[in-house]
């Protein structure tokens, strides 16, 4: 299987999503509207999944 580098937009969104999840978990920042909808663990998981999918699929 050939791996591709993710688009810059995909990479930035995935890293931002993971970073926000980590910062919320460490209580460095707080986004009350986001904390009511989704747990920090899932934000980090979505970020990692976005990076993985960006490497697998060329169009992402």
PDB file of N, CA and C in Angstrom:
ATOM      1  N   UNK A   1       0.848  -1.175   0.000  1.00  0.00           N
ATOM      2  CA  UNK A   1       0.000   0.000   0.000  1.00  0.00           C
ATOM      3  C   UNK A   1       0.895   1.240   0.000  1.00  0.00           C
ATOM      4  N   UNK A   2       0.595   2.154  -0.864  1.00  0.00           N
ATOM      5  CA  UNK A   2       1.353   3.389  -0.968  1.00  0.00           C
ATOM      6  C   UNK A   2       0.766   4.434  -0.029  1.00  0.00           C
ATOM      7  N   UNK A   3       1.636   5.050   0.763  1.00  0.00           N
ATOM      8  CA  UNK A   3       1.198   6.099   1.675  1.00  0.00           C
ATOM      9  C   UNK A   3       1.407   7.455   1.015  1.00  0.00           C
ATOM     10  N   UNK A   4       0.478   8.364   1.243  1.00  0.00           N
ATOM     11  CA  UNK A   4       0.545   9.717   0.690  1.00  0.00           C
ATOM     12  C   UNK A   4       0.632  10.713   1.836  1.00  0.00           C
ATOM     13  N   UNK A   5       1.190  11.864   1.555  1.00  0.00           N
ATOM     14  CA  UNK A   5       1.173  12.911   2.571  1.00  0.00           C
ATOM     15  C   UNK A   5      -0.200  13.590   2.540  1.00  0.00           C
ATOM     16  N   UNK A   6      -0.740  13.924   3.711  1.00  0.00           N
ATOM     17  CA  UNK A   6      -2.059  14.557   3.738  1.00  0.00           C
ATOM     18  C   UNK A   6      -2.005  15.992   3.207  1.00  0.00           C
ATOM     19  N   UNK A   7      -3.145  16.483   2.748  1.00  0.00           N
ATOM     20  CA  UNK A   7      -3.249  17.891   2.357  1.00  0.00           C
ATOM     21  C   UNK A   7      -2.902  18.769   3.545  1.00  0.00           C
ATOM     22  N   UNK A   8      -2.462  19.977   3.273  1.00  0.00           N
ATOM     23  CA  UNK A   8      -2.105  20.897   4.355  1.00  0.00           C
ATOM     24  C   UNK A   8      -3.329  21.245   5.202  1.00  0.00           C
ATOM     25  N   UNK A   9      -4.498  21.358   4.560  1.00  0.00           N
ATOM     26  CA  UNK A   9      -5.722  21.680   5.300  1.00  0.00           C
ATOM     27  C   UNK A   9      -6.117  20.519   6.211  1.00  0.00           C
ATOM     28  N   UNK A  10      -6.027  19.297   5.699  1.00  0.00           N
ATOM     29  CA  UNK A  10      -6.330  18.116   6.502  1.00  0.00           C
ATOM     30  C   UNK A  10      -5.366  18.026   7.676  1.00  0.00           C
ATOM     31  N   UNK A  11      -4.095  18.249   7.402  1.00  0.00           N
ATOM     32  CA  UNK A  11      -3.084  18.168   8.454  1.00  0.00           C
ATOM     33  C   UNK A  11      -3.321  19.231   9.530  1.00  0.00           C
ATOM     34  N   UNK A  12      -3.603  20.463   9.107  1.00  0.00           N
ATOM     35  CA  UNK A  12      -3.815  21.550  10.071  1.00  0.00           C
ATOM     36  C   UNK A  12      -5.060  21.301  10.926  1.00  0.00           C
ATOM     37  N   UNK A  13      -6.156  20.842  10.319  1.00  0.00           N
ATOM     38  CA  UNK A  13      -7.371  20.571  11.079  1.00  0.00           C
ATOM     39  C   UNK A  13      -7.178  19.427  12.070  1.00  0.00           C
ATOM     40  N   UNK A  14      -6.474  18.381  11.653  1.00  0.00           N
ATOM     41  CA  UNK A  14      -6.241  17.241  12.533  1.00  0.00           C
ATOM     42  C   UNK A  14      -5.346  17.623  13.712  1.00  0.00           C
ATOM     43  N   UNK A  15      -4.292  18.363  13.440  1.00  0.00           N
ATOM     44  CA  UNK A  15      -3.387  18.787  14.512  1.00  0.00           C
ATOM     45  C   UNK A  15      -4.091  19.764  15.455  1.00  0.00           C
ATOM     46  N   UNK A  16      -4.871  20.674  14.910  1.00  0.00           N
ATOM     47  CA  UNK A  16      -5.614  21.621  15.744  1.00  0.00           C
ATOM     48  C   UNK A  16      -6.626  20.901  16.633  1.00  0.00           C
ATOM     49  N   UNK A  17      -7.318  19.933  16.066  1.00  0.00           N
ATOM     50  CA  UNK A  17      -8.301  19.162  16.828  1.00  0.00           C
ATOM     51  C   UNK A  17      -7.616  18.404  17.967  1.00  0.00           C
ATOM     52  N   UNK A  18      -6.497  17.755  17.684  1.00  0.00           N
ATOM     53  CA  UNK A  18      -5.758  17.027  18.716  1.00  0.00           C
ATOM     54  C   UNK A  18      -5.190  17.957  19.769  1.00  0.00           C
ATOM     55  N   UNK A  19      -4.662  19.083  19.354  1.00  0.00           N
ATOM     56  CA  UNK A  19      -4.087  20.044  20.294  1.00  0.00           C
ATOM     57  C   UNK A  19      -5.144  20.623  21.223  1.00  0.00           C
ATOM     58  N   UNK A  20      -6.304  20.958  20.690  1.00  0.00           N
ATOM     59  CA  UNK A  20      -7.395  21.471  21.521  1.00  0.00           C
ATOM     60  C   UNK A  20      -7.824  20.411  22.541  1.00  0.00           C
ATOM     61  N   UNK A  21      -7.910  19.155  22.115  1.00  0.00           N
ATOM     62  CA  UNK A  21      -8.271  18.082  23.036  1.00  0.00           C
ATOM     63  C   UNK A  21      -7.266  17.927  24.160  1.00  0.00           C
ATOM     64  N   UNK A  22      -5.979  18.009  23.828  1.00  0.00           N
ATOM     65  CA  UNK A  22      -4.937  17.897  24.855  1.00  0.00           C
ATOM     66  C   UNK A  22      -4.990  19.082  25.808  1.00  0.00           C
ATOM     67  N   UNK A  23      -5.137  20.283  25.282  1.00  0.00           N
ATOM     68  CA  UNK A  23      -5.166  21.474  26.135  1.00  0.00           C
ATOM     69  C   UNK A  23      -6.392  21.505  27.043  1.00  0.00           C
ATOM     70  N   UNK A  24      -7.521  21.024  26.567  1.00  0.00           N
ATOM     71  CA  UNK A  24      -8.710  20.949  27.414  1.00  0.00           C
ATOM     72  C   UNK A  24      -8.500  19.923  28.518  1.00  0.00           C
ATOM     73  N   UNK A  25      -7.901  18.783  28.178  1.00  0.00           N
ATOM     74  CA  UNK A  25      -7.663  17.730  29.174  1.00  0.00           C
ATOM     75  C   UNK A  25      -6.710  18.213  30.259  1.00  0.00           C
ATOM     76  N   UNK A  26      -5.709  19.003  29.894  1.00  0.00           N
ATOM     77  CA  UNK A  26      -4.735  19.509  30.858  1.00  0.00           C
ATOM     78  C   UNK A  26      -5.214  20.763  31.589  1.00  0.00           C
ATOM     79  N   UNK A  27      -6.439  21.199  31.330  1.00  0.00           N
ATOM     80  CA  UNK A  27      -7.030  22.399  31.929  1.00  0.00           C
ATOM     81  C   UNK A  27      -6.233  23.666  31.627  1.00  0.00           C
ATOM     82  N   UNK A  28      -5.590  23.705  30.482  1.00  0.00           N
ATOM     83  CA  UNK A  28      -4.882  24.902  30.051  1.00  0.00           C
ATOM     84  C   UNK A  28      -5.865  25.879  29.422  1.00  0.00           C
ATOM     85  N   UNK A  29      -6.865  25.341  28.739  1.00  0.00           N
ATOM     86  CA  UNK A  29      -7.893  26.179  28.132  1.00  0.00           C
ATOM     87  C   UNK A  29      -9.253  25.540  28.354  1.00  0.00           C
ATOM     88  N   UNK A  30     -10.287  26.338  28.199  1.00  0.00           N
ATOM     89  CA  UNK A  30     -11.640  25.840  28.401  1.00  0.00           C
ATOM     90  C   UNK A  30     -12.554  26.415  27.323  1.00  0.00           C
ATOM     91  N   UNK A  31     -13.288  25.528  26.686  1.00  0.00           N
ATOM     92  CA  UNK A  31     -14.300  25.924  25.707  1.00  0.00           C
ATOM     93  C   UNK A  31     -15.599  25.274  26.169  1.00  0.00           C
ATOM     94  N   UNK A  32     -16.406  25.980  26.975  1.00  0.00           N
ATOM     95  CA  UNK A  32     -17.589  25.353  27.577  1.00  0.00           C
ATOM     96  C   UNK A  32     -18.560  24.741  26.565  1.00  0.00           C
ATOM     97  N   UNK A  33     -18.785  25.391  25.443  1.00  0.00           N
ATOM     98  CA  UNK A  33     -19.719  24.848  24.450  1.00  0.00           C
ATOM     99  C   UNK A  33     -19.191  23.543  23.863  1.00  0.00           C
ATOM    100  N   UNK A  34     -17.891  23.469  23.658  1.00  0.00           N
ATOM    101  CA  UNK A  34     -17.288  22.266  23.106  1.00  0.00           C
ATOM    102  C   UNK A  34     -17.192  21.154  24.145  1.00  0.00           C
ATOM    103  N   UNK A  35     -16.941  21.512  25.392  1.00  0.00           N
ATOM    104  CA  UNK A  35     -16.821  20.514  26.450  1.00  0.00           C
ATOM    105  C   UNK A  35     -18.148  19.818  26.740  1.00  0.00           C
ATOM    106  N   UNK A  36     -19.257  20.499  26.499  1.00  0.00           N
ATOM    107  CA  UNK A  36     -20.563  19.880  26.703  1.00  0.00           C
ATOM    108  C   UNK A  36     -20.894  18.883  25.600  1.00  0.00           C
ATOM    109  N   UNK A  37     -20.317  19.058  24.410  1.00  0.00           N
ATOM    110  CA  UNK A  37     -20.636  18.202  23.279  1.00  0.00           C
ATOM    111  C   UNK A  37     -19.750  16.969  23.178  1.00  0.00           C
ATOM    112  N   UNK A  38     -18.461  17.112  23.441  1.00  0.00           N
ATOM    113  CA  UNK A  38     -17.516  16.027  23.169  1.00  0.00           C
ATOM    114  C   UNK A  38     -16.403  16.035  24.218  1.00  0.00           C
ATOM    115  N   UNK A  39     -15.926  14.864  24.573  1.00  0.00           N
ATOM    116  CA  UNK A  39     -14.843  14.715  25.547  1.00  0.00           C
ATOM    117  C   UNK A  39     -13.494  14.965  24.868  1.00  0.00           C
ATOM    118  N   UNK A  40     -12.487  15.427  25.629  1.00  0.00           N
ATOM    119  CA  UNK A  40     -11.158  15.673  25.052  1.00  0.00           C
ATOM    120  C   UNK A  40     -10.530  14.435  24.414  1.00  0.00           C
ATOM    121  N   UNK A  41     -10.773  13.258  24.985  1.00  0.00           N
ATOM    122  CA  UNK A  41     -10.241  12.017  24.414  1.00  0.00           C
ATOM    123  C   UNK A  41     -10.697  11.845  22.967  1.00  0.00           C
ATOM    124  N   UNK A  42     -11.947  12.138  22.698  1.00  0.00           N
ATOM    125  CA  UNK A  42     -12.483  11.959  21.349  1.00  0.00           C
ATOM    126  C   UNK A  42     -11.936  13.008  20.397  1.00  0.00           C
ATOM    127  N   UNK A  43     -11.630  14.208  20.890  1.00  0.00           N
ATOM    128  CA  UNK A  43     -11.005  15.217  20.033  1.00  0.00           C
ATOM    129  C   UNK A  43      -9.629  14.754  19.578  1.00  0.00           C
ATOM    130  N   UNK A  44      -8.850  14.216  20.504  1.00  0.00           N
ATOM    131  CA  UNK A  44      -7.520  13.716  20.156  1.00  0.00           C
ATOM    132  C   UNK A  44      -7.644  12.522  19.216  1.00  0.00           C
ATOM    133  N   UNK A  45      -8.601  11.650  19.478  1.00  0.00           N
ATOM    134  CA  UNK A  45      -8.808  10.483  18.611  1.00  0.00           C
ATOM    135  C   UNK A  45      -9.203  10.902  17.198  1.00  0.00           C
ATOM    136  N   UNK A  46     -10.050  11.895  17.070  1.00  0.00           N
ATOM    137  CA  UNK A  46     -10.454  12.407  15.758  1.00  0.00           C
ATOM    138  C   UNK A  46      -9.249  13.006  15.030  1.00  0.00           C
ATOM    139  N   UNK A  47      -8.387  13.697  15.774  1.00  0.00           N
ATOM    140  CA  UNK A  47      -7.178  14.252  15.172  1.00  0.00           C
ATOM    141  C   UNK A  47      -6.260  13.173  14.621  1.00  0.00           C
ATOM    142  N   UNK A  48      -6.026  12.120  15.416  1.00  0.00           N
ATOM    143  CA  UNK A  48      -5.188  11.015  14.947  1.00  0.00           C
ATOM    144  C   UNK A  48      -5.824  10.295  13.761  1.00  0.00           C
ATOM    145  N   UNK A  49      -7.118  10.094  13.807  1.00  0.00           N
ATOM    146  CA  UNK A  49      -7.811   9.426  12.706  1.00  0.00           C
ATOM    147  C   UNK A  49      -7.722  10.273  11.433  1.00  0.00           C
ATOM    148  N   UNK A  50      -7.849  11.590  11.575  1.00  0.00           N
ATOM    149  CA  UNK A  50      -7.723  12.471  10.419  1.00  0.00           C
ATOM    150  C   UNK A  50      -6.347  12.393   9.786  1.00  0.00           C
ATOM    151  N   UNK A  51      -5.298  12.331  10.618  1.00  0.00           N
ATOM    152  CA  UNK A  51      -3.949  12.190  10.074  1.00  0.00           C
ATOM    153  C   UNK A  51      -3.757  10.841   9.397  1.00  0.00           C
ATOM    154  N   UNK A  52      -4.289   9.785   9.990  1.00  0.00           N
ATOM    155  CA  UNK A  52      -4.163   8.447   9.407  1.00  0.00           C
ATOM    156  C   UNK A  52      -4.899   8.369   8.078  1.00  0.00           C
ATOM    157  N   UNK A  53      -6.124   8.885   8.039  1.00  0.00           N
ATOM    158  CA  UNK A  53      -6.885   8.851   6.798  1.00  0.00           C
ATOM    159  C   UNK A  53      -6.264   9.726   5.726  1.00  0.00           C
ATOM    160  N   UNK A  54      -5.658  10.831   6.136  1.00  0.00           N
ATOM    161  CA  UNK A  54      -4.958  11.684   5.181  1.00  0.00           C
ATOM    162  C   UNK A  54      -3.762  11.003   4.551  1.00  0.00           C
ATOM    163  N   UNK A  55      -3.127  10.096   5.297  1.00  0.00           N
ATOM    164  CA  UNK A  55      -1.998   9.343   4.741  1.00  0.00           C
ATOM    165  C   UNK A  55      -2.463   8.218   3.822  1.00  0.00           C
ATOM    166  N   UNK A  56      -3.619   7.648   4.091  1.00  0.00           N
ATOM    167  CA  UNK A  56      -4.099   6.509   3.310  1.00  0.00           C
ATOM    168  C   UNK A  56      -4.722   6.962   1.995  1.00  0.00           C
ATOM    169  N   UNK A  57      -5.596   7.976   2.052  1.00  0.00           N
ATOM    170  CA  UNK A  57      -6.323   8.412   0.874  1.00  0.00           C
ATOM    171  C   UNK A  57      -5.659   9.629   0.250  1.00  0.00           C
ATOM    172  N   UNK A  58      -5.427   9.560  -1.050  1.00  0.00           N
ATOM    173  CA  UNK A  58      -4.733  10.636  -1.748  1.00  0.00           C
ATOM    174  C   UNK A  58      -5.573  11.913  -1.824  1.00  0.00           C
ATOM    175  N   UNK A  59      -6.877  11.768  -1.947  1.00  0.00           N
ATOM    176  CA  UNK A  59      -7.764  12.923  -2.132  1.00  0.00           C
ATOM    177  C   UNK A  59      -8.076  13.660  -0.828  1.00  0.00           C
ATOM    178  N   UNK A  60      -7.676  13.135   0.300  1.00  0.00           N
ATOM    179  CA  UNK A  60      -8.022  13.761   1.582  1.00  0.00           C
ATOM    180  C   UNK A  60      -6.947  14.671   2.048  1.00  0.00           C
TER     181      UNK A  60
END
